[in-house]
Amino acid sequence: MLDWIGWGATAIFSISYFCRNATRMRLVQALAALLWIIYGILLKAPPVIFANSIVAAVATYSAWRQHSFRAQTPQETVRDSAPTN
């Protein structure tokens, strides 16, 4: 069972590279890091726990920041950018 957590974390992290949306990619990477943290806890491996805690925190923060920045920036449309007569 323990090995499956590690393999699952590896698979999820690898899948994140196929995400077209940067925010979604970071959230998927944060999920994989959480699985690595669980794996590290079960193995009693502080370096795995520590490193993936940083990855999970940074990925979650950058996804949140990207999402809130996008929510605050008005979306420019073709009609809005066309010159008026």
C-alpha atoms as a PDB file:
ATOM      1  CA  MET A   1       0.000   0.000   0.000  1.00  0.00           C
ATOM      2  CA  LEU A   2       2.808   2.399   0.888  1.00  0.00           C
ATOM      3  CA  ASP A   3       4.421   2.006  -2.518  1.00  0.00           C
ATOM      4  CA  TRP A   4       1.114   2.810  -4.208  1.00  0.00           C
ATOM      5  CA  ILE A   5       0.996   6.201  -2.473  1.00  0.00           C
ATOM      6  CA  GLY A   6       4.439   7.032  -3.872  1.00  0.00           C
ATOM      7  CA  TRP A   7       3.525   5.785  -7.336  1.00  0.00           C
ATOM      8  CA  GLY A   8       0.250   7.695  -7.203  1.00  0.00           C
ATOM      9  CA  ALA A   9       2.062  10.905  -6.235  1.00  0.00           C
ATOM     10  CA  THR A  10       4.484  10.382  -9.106  1.00  0.00           C
ATOM     11  CA  ALA A  11       1.652   9.781 -11.577  1.00  0.00           C
ATOM     12  CA  ILE A  12      -0.328  12.836 -10.443  1.00  0.00           C
ATOM     13  CA  PHE A  13       2.745  15.064 -10.573  1.00  0.00           C
ATOM     14  CA  SER A  14       3.537  13.792 -14.082  1.00  0.00           C
ATOM     15  CA  ILE A  15      -0.040  14.390 -15.218  1.00  0.00           C
ATOM     16  CA  SER A  16       0.240  18.018 -14.071  1.00  0.00           C
ATOM     17  CA  TYR A  17       2.480  18.743 -17.058  1.00  0.00           C
ATOM     18  CA  PHE A  18      -0.433  18.030 -19.387  1.00  0.00           C
ATOM     19  CA  CYS A  19      -2.596  20.760 -17.820  1.00  0.00           C
ATOM     20  CA  ARG A  20      -3.103  23.657 -20.196  1.00  0.00           C
ATOM     21  CA  ASN A  21      -4.215  26.016 -17.437  1.00  0.00           C
ATOM     22  CA  ALA A  22      -1.359  27.210 -15.195  1.00  0.00           C
ATOM     23  CA  THR A  23      -3.581  27.490 -12.122  1.00  0.00           C
ATOM     24  CA  ARG A  24      -4.886  23.958 -12.575  1.00  0.00           C
ATOM     25  CA  MET A  25      -1.333  22.666 -13.074  1.00  0.00           C
ATOM     26  CA  ARG A  26      -0.243  24.190  -9.762  1.00  0.00           C
ATOM     27  CA  LEU A  27      -3.244  22.732  -7.935  1.00  0.00           C
ATOM     28  CA  VAL A  28      -2.524  19.277  -9.347  1.00  0.00           C
ATOM     29  CA  GLN A  29       1.112  19.644  -8.273  1.00  0.00           C
ATOM     30  CA  ALA A  30      -0.035  20.674  -4.782  1.00  0.00           C
ATOM     31  CA  LEU A  31      -2.195  17.536  -4.625  1.00  0.00           C
ATOM     32  CA  ALA A  32       0.770  15.384  -5.642  1.00  0.00           C
ATOM     33  CA  ALA A  33       2.913  17.086  -2.988  1.00  0.00           C
ATOM     34  CA  LEU A  34       0.268  16.290  -0.360  1.00  0.00           C
ATOM     35  CA  LEU A  35       0.468  12.626  -1.340  1.00  0.00           C
ATOM     36  CA  TRP A  36       4.269  12.831  -1.057  1.00  0.00           C
ATOM     37  CA  ILE A  37       3.851  14.332   2.429  1.00  0.00           C
ATOM     38  CA  ILE A  38       1.636  11.403   3.457  1.00  0.00           C
ATOM     39  CA  TYR A  39       4.187   9.040   1.949  1.00  0.00           C
ATOM     40  CA  GLY A  40       6.988  10.781   3.887  1.00  0.00           C
ATOM     41  CA  ILE A  41       5.039  10.630   7.143  1.00  0.00           C
ATOM     42  CA  LEU A  42       4.419   6.902   6.729  1.00  0.00           C
ATOM     43  CA  LEU A  43       8.109   6.348   5.908  1.00  0.00           C
ATOM     44  CA  LYS A  44       9.195   8.676   8.736  1.00  0.00           C
ATOM     45  CA  ALA A  45      11.300  10.616   6.214  1.00  0.00           C
ATOM     46  CA  PRO A  46      11.616  14.268   7.319  1.00  0.00           C
ATOM     47  CA  PRO A  47      13.353  15.417   4.088  1.00  0.00           C
ATOM     48  CA  VAL A  48      10.425  14.145   1.995  1.00  0.00           C
ATOM     49  CA  ILE A  49       7.919  15.806   4.328  1.00  0.00           C
ATOM     50  CA  PHE A  50       9.819  19.102   4.471  1.00  0.00           C
ATOM     51  CA  ALA A  51      10.546  19.407   0.737  1.00  0.00           C
ATOM     52  CA  ASN A  52       7.000  18.571  -0.297  1.00  0.00           C
ATOM     53  CA  SER A  53       5.518  20.873   2.326  1.00  0.00           C
ATOM     54  CA  ILE A  54       7.376  23.690   0.603  1.00  0.00           C
ATOM     55  CA  VAL A  55       6.209  22.520  -2.837  1.00  0.00           C
ATOM     56  CA  ALA A  56       2.574  22.228  -1.686  1.00  0.00           C
ATOM     57  CA  ALA A  57       2.628  25.668  -0.054  1.00  0.00           C
ATOM     58  CA  VAL A  58       4.277  27.425  -3.009  1.00  0.00           C
ATOM     59  CA  ALA A  59       2.065  25.692  -5.576  1.00  0.00           C
ATOM     60  CA  THR A  60      -1.098  26.521  -3.615  1.00  0.00           C
ATOM     61  CA  TYR A  61      -0.043  30.143  -3.040  1.00  0.00           C
ATOM     62  CA  SER A  62       0.927  30.715  -6.671  1.00  0.00           C
ATOM     63  CA  ALA A  63      -2.336  29.135  -7.888  1.00  0.00           C
ATOM     64  CA  TRP A  64      -4.315  31.372  -5.538  1.00  0.00           C
ATOM     65  CA  ARG A  65      -2.316  34.434  -6.584  1.00  0.00           C
ATOM     66  CA  GLN A  66      -2.731  33.667 -10.294  1.00  0.00           C
ATOM     67  CA  HIS A  67      -6.458  33.062  -9.830  1.00  0.00           C
ATOM     68  CA  SER A  68      -7.025  36.289  -7.869  1.00  0.00           C
ATOM     69  CA  PHE A  69      -4.912  38.323 -10.283  1.00  0.00           C
ATOM     70  CA  ARG A  70      -6.960  37.010 -13.196  1.00  0.00           C
ATOM     71  CA  ALA A  71     -10.208  37.738 -11.347  1.00  0.00           C
ATOM     72  CA  GLN A  72      -9.178  41.375 -10.780  1.00  0.00           C
ATOM     73  CA  THR A  73      -7.941  42.033 -14.320  1.00  0.00           C
ATOM     74  CA  PRO A  74     -10.741  42.862 -16.761  1.00  0.00           C
ATOM     75  CA  GLN A  75     -10.755  40.582 -19.751  1.00  0.00           C
ATOM     76  CA  GLU A  76     -10.117  42.464 -22.957  1.00  0.00           C
ATOM     77  CA  THR A  77     -12.317  41.445 -25.834  1.00  0.00           C
ATOM     78  CA  VAL A  78     -11.854  42.073 -29.530  1.00  0.00           C
ATOM     79  CA  ARG A  79     -14.802  44.438 -29.496  1.00  0.00           C
ATOM     80  CA  ASP A  80     -13.328  46.407 -26.550  1.00  0.00           C
ATOM     81  CA  SER A  81      -9.959  46.841 -28.259  1.00  0.00           C
ATOM     82  CA  ALA A  82     -11.335  47.891 -31.666  1.00  0.00           C
ATOM     83  CA  PRO A  83     -11.050  51.593 -32.448  1.00  0.00           C
ATOM     84  CA  THR A  84     -14.271  53.569 -32.334  1.00  0.00           C
ATOM     85  CA  ASN A  85     -15.325  56.044 -35.020  1.00  0.00           C
END
